[in-house]
């Protein structure tokens, strides 16, 4: 009888509650200097394409105006404390792709006939 009691006590002590899943780490945010350069690049692209008088530029101007908003929205999601790691990673990716698009489109302006 004592052995049974000892076994129950030992068995009860050896059981450990499983630790829940580890807390989810947030990925690093985009550095402020990179973000500022990207926002400046998109602002400059919008200003240049919308000031251009070439017929194709008017159509592209409307589309270009959404680029700074896409960066702002992505940044809001990435900095939201309720966002999951996946949300932050995807938002950072969208922000960087948008900044890249602004830079590439600015480089194409001379070929379009805009200075």
N, C-alpha and C. Protein backbone atom coordinates (compact mmCIF):
# COMPACT_ATOMS: atom_id res chain seq x y z
N UNK A 1 0.82 -1.18 0.00
CA UNK A 1 0.00 0.00 0.00
C UNK A 1 0.87 1.26 0.00
N UNK A 2 1.97 1.22 0.78
CA UNK A 2 2.86 2.38 0.81
C UNK A 2 3.49 2.60 -0.56
N UNK A 3 3.85 1.51 -1.20
CA UNK A 3 4.49 1.64 -2.52
C UNK A 3 3.55 2.29 -3.52
N UNK A 4 2.30 1.93 -3.42
CA UNK A 4 1.31 2.51 -4.32
C UNK A 4 1.20 4.01 -4.06
N UNK A 5 1.18 4.39 -2.80
CA UNK A 5 1.10 5.80 -2.44
C UNK A 5 2.35 6.54 -2.90
N UNK A 6 3.51 5.95 -2.72
CA UNK A 6 4.77 6.56 -3.16
C UNK A 6 4.77 6.70 -4.68
N UNK A 7 4.32 5.69 -5.39
CA UNK A 7 4.28 5.74 -6.85
C UNK A 7 3.33 6.85 -7.32
N UNK A 8 2.20 6.99 -6.68
CA UNK A 8 1.26 8.04 -7.06
C UNK A 8 1.85 9.43 -6.81
N UNK A 9 2.54 9.60 -5.71
CA UNK A 9 3.16 10.88 -5.40
C UNK A 9 4.26 11.18 -6.41
N UNK A 10 5.09 10.22 -6.70
CA UNK A 10 6.18 10.41 -7.66
C UNK A 10 5.61 10.68 -9.05
N UNK A 11 4.60 9.91 -9.42
CA UNK A 11 4.00 10.10 -10.74
C UNK A 11 3.35 11.47 -10.83
N UNK A 12 2.72 11.91 -9.77
CA UNK A 12 2.09 13.23 -9.77
C UNK A 12 3.11 14.34 -9.85
N UNK A 13 4.24 14.17 -9.21
CA UNK A 13 5.28 15.20 -9.23
C UNK A 13 6.02 15.24 -10.56
N UNK A 14 6.12 14.11 -11.23
CA UNK A 14 6.90 14.07 -12.46
C UNK A 14 6.13 14.62 -13.65
N UNK A 15 4.82 14.72 -13.53
CA UNK A 15 4.04 15.26 -14.65
C UNK A 15 4.20 16.77 -14.68
N UNK A 16 4.56 17.27 -15.80
CA UNK A 16 4.68 18.72 -15.96
C UNK A 16 3.64 19.15 -16.98
N UNK A 17 3.08 20.26 -16.70
CA UNK A 17 2.13 20.82 -17.65
C UNK A 17 2.91 21.25 -18.90
N UNK A 18 2.38 20.94 -20.05
CA UNK A 18 3.09 21.36 -21.25
C UNK A 18 3.07 22.89 -21.33
N UNK A 19 4.22 23.42 -21.59
CA UNK A 19 4.29 24.87 -21.78
C UNK A 19 3.60 25.19 -23.09
N UNK A 20 2.81 26.22 -23.10
CA UNK A 20 2.09 26.60 -24.31
C UNK A 20 3.06 26.94 -25.42
N UNK A 21 2.52 27.29 -26.55
CA UNK A 21 3.41 27.64 -27.66
C UNK A 21 4.23 28.87 -27.27
N UNK A 22 5.45 28.92 -27.76
CA UNK A 22 6.30 30.07 -27.43
C UNK A 22 5.66 31.35 -27.98
N UNK A 23 5.88 32.45 -27.31
CA UNK A 23 5.31 33.69 -27.82
C UNK A 23 5.86 33.99 -29.21
N UNK A 24 4.99 34.51 -30.04
CA UNK A 24 5.36 34.78 -31.42
C UNK A 24 6.23 36.03 -31.49
N UNK A 25 7.40 35.90 -32.08
CA UNK A 25 8.29 37.04 -32.24
C UNK A 25 7.88 37.84 -33.47
N UNK A 26 7.87 39.13 -33.31
CA UNK A 26 7.59 40.00 -34.45
C UNK A 26 8.86 40.19 -35.24
N UNK A 27 8.77 40.19 -36.56
CA UNK A 27 9.97 40.43 -37.37
C UNK A 27 10.39 41.89 -37.23
N UNK A 28 11.61 42.19 -37.56
CA UNK A 28 12.06 43.58 -37.43
C UNK A 28 11.28 44.50 -38.38
N UNK A 29 11.11 45.72 -37.93
CA UNK A 29 10.44 46.73 -38.75
C UNK A 29 11.41 47.25 -39.81
N UNK A 30 10.88 47.85 -40.84
CA UNK A 30 11.72 48.47 -41.87
C UNK A 30 12.41 49.67 -41.22
N UNK A 31 13.71 49.80 -41.39
CA UNK A 31 14.42 50.95 -40.80
C UNK A 31 13.82 52.28 -41.27
N UNK A 32 13.81 53.25 -40.38
CA UNK A 32 13.22 54.57 -40.69
C UNK A 32 13.90 55.23 -41.88
N UNK A 33 15.21 55.08 -42.02
CA UNK A 33 15.90 55.72 -43.15
C UNK A 33 15.44 55.12 -44.48
N UNK A 34 15.28 53.79 -44.50
CA UNK A 34 14.81 53.13 -45.72
C UNK A 34 13.38 53.56 -46.03
N UNK A 35 12.57 53.61 -45.01
CA UNK A 35 11.17 54.00 -45.17
C UNK A 35 11.07 55.44 -45.68
N UNK A 36 11.86 56.33 -45.12
CA UNK A 36 11.84 57.74 -45.54
C UNK A 36 12.26 57.88 -47.00
N UNK A 37 13.30 57.15 -47.38
CA UNK A 37 13.75 57.20 -48.79
C UNK A 37 12.64 56.71 -49.72
N UNK A 38 11.98 55.64 -49.33
CA UNK A 38 10.90 55.11 -50.16
C UNK A 38 9.72 56.05 -50.26
N UNK A 39 9.34 56.66 -49.14
CA UNK A 39 8.24 57.62 -49.17
C UNK A 39 8.60 58.83 -50.02
N UNK A 40 9.83 59.30 -49.90
CA UNK A 40 10.28 60.42 -50.72
C UNK A 40 10.28 60.05 -52.20
N UNK A 41 10.72 58.84 -52.51
CA UNK A 41 10.76 58.40 -53.92
C UNK A 41 9.35 58.33 -54.49
N UNK A 42 8.40 57.83 -53.71
CA UNK A 42 7.03 57.75 -54.21
C UNK A 42 6.41 59.13 -54.35
N UNK A 43 6.70 60.01 -53.41
CA UNK A 43 6.18 61.38 -53.51
C UNK A 43 6.73 62.09 -54.74
N UNK A 44 8.01 61.90 -54.99
CA UNK A 44 8.64 62.52 -56.16
C UNK A 44 8.06 61.95 -57.46
N UNK A 45 7.84 60.64 -57.49
CA UNK A 45 7.26 60.02 -58.69
C UNK A 45 5.87 60.56 -58.96
N UNK A 46 5.05 60.65 -57.95
CA UNK A 46 3.68 61.15 -58.12
C UNK A 46 3.72 62.59 -58.64
N UNK A 47 4.58 63.41 -58.04
CA UNK A 47 4.67 64.81 -58.47
C UNK A 47 5.11 64.90 -59.93
N UNK A 48 6.10 64.11 -60.32
CA UNK A 48 6.63 64.19 -61.69
C UNK A 48 5.64 63.64 -62.72
N UNK A 49 5.02 62.50 -62.43
CA UNK A 49 4.11 61.91 -63.42
C UNK A 49 2.85 62.75 -63.57
N UNK A 50 2.39 63.35 -62.48
CA UNK A 50 1.17 64.16 -62.56
C UNK A 50 1.45 65.53 -63.18
N UNK A 51 2.70 66.00 -63.17
CA UNK A 51 3.06 67.27 -63.80
C UNK A 51 3.35 67.09 -65.29
N UNK A 52 3.54 65.87 -65.72
CA UNK A 52 3.88 65.58 -67.11
C UNK A 52 2.65 65.79 -68.01
N UNK A 53 2.89 66.34 -69.18
CA UNK A 53 1.79 66.66 -70.10
C UNK A 53 1.58 65.61 -71.19
N UNK A 54 2.36 64.57 -71.19
CA UNK A 54 2.22 63.50 -72.17
C UNK A 54 0.89 62.78 -71.90
N UNK A 55 0.13 62.39 -72.94
CA UNK A 55 -1.19 61.76 -72.73
C UNK A 55 -1.17 60.52 -71.83
N UNK A 56 -0.17 59.66 -71.96
CA UNK A 56 -0.11 58.47 -71.13
C UNK A 56 0.12 58.81 -69.65
N UNK A 57 0.72 59.95 -69.40
CA UNK A 57 1.03 60.34 -68.03
C UNK A 57 -0.23 60.62 -67.22
N UNK A 58 -1.26 61.15 -67.85
CA UNK A 58 -2.51 61.45 -67.13
C UNK A 58 -3.13 60.17 -66.57
N UNK A 59 -3.11 59.12 -67.35
CA UNK A 59 -3.65 57.84 -66.90
C UNK A 59 -2.79 57.28 -65.76
N UNK A 60 -1.47 57.37 -65.91
CA UNK A 60 -0.57 56.85 -64.89
C UNK A 60 -0.60 57.70 -63.61
N UNK A 61 -0.95 58.96 -63.74
CA UNK A 61 -1.03 59.84 -62.57
C UNK A 61 -2.05 59.31 -61.57
N UNK A 62 -3.21 58.93 -62.07
CA UNK A 62 -4.25 58.41 -61.17
C UNK A 62 -3.81 57.15 -60.44
N UNK A 63 -3.09 56.29 -61.14
CA UNK A 63 -2.59 55.06 -60.53
C UNK A 63 -1.47 55.36 -59.54
N UNK A 64 -0.62 56.31 -59.88
CA UNK A 64 0.53 56.64 -59.05
C UNK A 64 0.11 57.20 -57.69
N UNK A 65 -1.01 57.89 -57.63
CA UNK A 65 -1.46 58.50 -56.38
C UNK A 65 -1.76 57.46 -55.30
N UNK A 66 -1.99 56.21 -55.71
CA UNK A 66 -2.28 55.15 -54.74
C UNK A 66 -1.00 54.59 -54.09
N UNK A 67 0.15 54.83 -54.69
CA UNK A 67 1.39 54.24 -54.17
C UNK A 67 1.76 54.74 -52.77
N UNK A 68 1.74 56.06 -52.50
CA UNK A 68 2.04 56.49 -51.13
C UNK A 68 1.02 55.95 -50.11
N UNK A 69 -0.23 55.84 -50.53
CA UNK A 69 -1.26 55.28 -49.64
C UNK A 69 -0.98 53.81 -49.33
N UNK A 70 -0.46 53.08 -50.30
CA UNK A 70 -0.14 51.67 -50.08
C UNK A 70 0.98 51.53 -49.04
N UNK A 71 1.94 52.43 -49.09
CA UNK A 71 3.03 52.41 -48.10
C UNK A 71 2.47 52.72 -46.71
N UNK A 72 1.63 53.73 -46.63
CA UNK A 72 1.04 54.12 -45.34
C UNK A 72 0.21 52.99 -44.75
N UNK A 73 -0.61 52.36 -45.57
CA UNK A 73 -1.45 51.25 -45.09
C UNK A 73 -0.59 50.08 -44.64
N UNK A 74 0.42 49.74 -45.43
CA UNK A 74 1.32 48.64 -45.05
C UNK A 74 2.04 48.93 -43.74
N UNK A 75 2.42 50.17 -43.56
CA UNK A 75 3.11 50.57 -42.34
C UNK A 75 2.19 50.47 -41.12
N UNK A 76 0.94 50.86 -41.30
CA UNK A 76 -0.04 50.75 -40.20
C UNK A 76 -0.24 49.31 -39.78
N UNK A 77 -0.32 48.41 -40.74
CA UNK A 77 -0.49 47.00 -40.42
C UNK A 77 0.76 46.45 -39.74
N UNK A 78 1.93 46.79 -40.28
CA UNK A 78 3.19 46.27 -39.74
C UNK A 78 3.44 46.75 -38.31
N UNK A 79 2.98 47.94 -37.97
CA UNK A 79 3.22 48.49 -36.64
C UNK A 79 2.10 48.21 -35.65
N UNK A 80 1.03 47.60 -36.12
CA UNK A 80 -0.08 47.30 -35.23
C UNK A 80 0.31 46.17 -34.28
N UNK A 81 0.17 46.36 -32.97
CA UNK A 81 0.57 45.31 -32.02
C UNK A 81 -0.29 44.04 -32.14
N UNK A 82 -1.44 44.14 -32.75
CA UNK A 82 -2.30 42.96 -32.91
C UNK A 82 -1.99 42.17 -34.18
N UNK A 83 -1.11 42.69 -35.01
CA UNK A 83 -0.76 41.99 -36.25
C UNK A 83 0.08 40.76 -35.93
N UNK A 84 -0.17 39.69 -36.67
CA UNK A 84 0.61 38.48 -36.50
C UNK A 84 1.96 38.64 -37.21
N UNK A 85 2.85 37.73 -36.93
CA UNK A 85 4.17 37.75 -37.59
C UNK A 85 3.99 37.70 -39.11
N UNK A 86 3.09 36.86 -39.55
CA UNK A 86 2.85 36.73 -40.99
C UNK A 86 2.34 38.04 -41.58
N UNK A 87 1.43 38.73 -40.87
CA UNK A 87 0.91 40.00 -41.34
C UNK A 87 2.03 41.03 -41.48
N UNK A 88 2.91 41.06 -40.49
CA UNK A 88 4.02 42.02 -40.51
C UNK A 88 4.97 41.72 -41.67
N UNK A 89 5.29 40.45 -41.85
CA UNK A 89 6.18 40.07 -42.96
C UNK A 89 5.57 40.44 -44.30
N UNK A 90 4.29 40.16 -44.47
CA UNK A 90 3.63 40.48 -45.74
C UNK A 90 3.54 41.98 -45.95
N UNK A 91 3.26 42.72 -44.89
CA UNK A 91 3.19 44.17 -45.00
C UNK A 91 4.54 44.77 -45.37
N UNK A 92 5.59 44.29 -44.72
CA UNK A 92 6.94 44.77 -45.05
C UNK A 92 7.28 44.47 -46.51
N UNK A 93 6.86 43.31 -47.00
CA UNK A 93 7.10 42.94 -48.39
C UNK A 93 6.37 43.89 -49.34
N UNK A 94 5.11 44.18 -49.03
CA UNK A 94 4.33 45.09 -49.87
C UNK A 94 4.94 46.49 -49.86
N UNK A 95 5.37 46.95 -48.70
CA UNK A 95 5.99 48.28 -48.60
C UNK A 95 7.23 48.34 -49.48
N UNK A 96 8.08 47.34 -49.37
CA UNK A 96 9.33 47.34 -50.16
C UNK A 96 9.05 47.22 -51.66
N UNK A 97 8.08 46.41 -52.05
CA UNK A 97 7.73 46.30 -53.47
C UNK A 97 7.15 47.60 -54.00
N UNK A 98 6.39 48.29 -53.19
CA UNK A 98 5.81 49.57 -53.60
C UNK A 98 6.91 50.61 -53.77
N UNK A 99 7.85 50.66 -52.84
CA UNK A 99 8.97 51.60 -52.96
C UNK A 99 9.78 51.30 -54.21
N UNK A 100 9.99 50.02 -54.49
CA UNK A 100 10.73 49.60 -55.69
C UNK A 100 10.00 50.07 -56.94
N UNK A 101 8.69 49.92 -56.95
CA UNK A 101 7.87 50.33 -58.09
C UNK A 101 8.00 51.84 -58.33
N UNK A 102 7.99 52.61 -57.28
CA UNK A 102 8.15 54.07 -57.42
C UNK A 102 9.48 54.41 -58.06
N UNK A 103 10.54 53.77 -57.61
CA UNK A 103 11.87 54.05 -58.14
C UNK A 103 11.97 53.63 -59.60
N UNK A 104 11.45 52.45 -59.91
CA UNK A 104 11.51 51.97 -61.30
C UNK A 104 10.68 52.84 -62.24
N UNK A 105 9.51 53.25 -61.79
CA UNK A 105 8.66 54.09 -62.64
C UNK A 105 9.27 55.48 -62.84
N UNK A 106 9.94 55.99 -61.83
CA UNK A 106 10.63 57.28 -61.98
C UNK A 106 11.73 57.17 -63.03
N UNK A 107 12.43 56.06 -63.04
CA UNK A 107 13.50 55.85 -64.03
C UNK A 107 12.95 55.75 -65.45
N UNK A 108 11.67 55.37 -65.60
CA UNK A 108 11.07 55.24 -66.93
C UNK A 108 10.48 56.56 -67.46
N UNK A 109 10.44 57.57 -66.64
CA UNK A 109 9.81 58.82 -67.06
C UNK A 109 10.47 59.45 -68.29
N UNK A 110 11.80 59.50 -68.39
CA UNK A 110 12.39 60.09 -69.60
C UNK A 110 11.99 59.35 -70.88
N UNK A 111 11.87 58.05 -70.83
CA UNK A 111 11.47 57.31 -72.02
C UNK A 111 10.01 57.60 -72.40
N UNK A 112 9.23 57.96 -71.40
CA UNK A 112 7.82 58.30 -71.63
C UNK A 112 7.70 59.69 -72.24
N UNK A 113 8.73 60.51 -72.07
CA UNK A 113 8.72 61.87 -72.57
C UNK A 113 8.52 62.88 -71.45
N UNK A 114 8.69 62.44 -70.22
CA UNK A 114 8.56 63.33 -69.07
C UNK A 114 9.94 63.56 -68.47
N UNK A 115 10.17 64.77 -68.01
CA UNK A 115 11.46 65.07 -67.37
C UNK A 115 11.32 65.17 -65.89
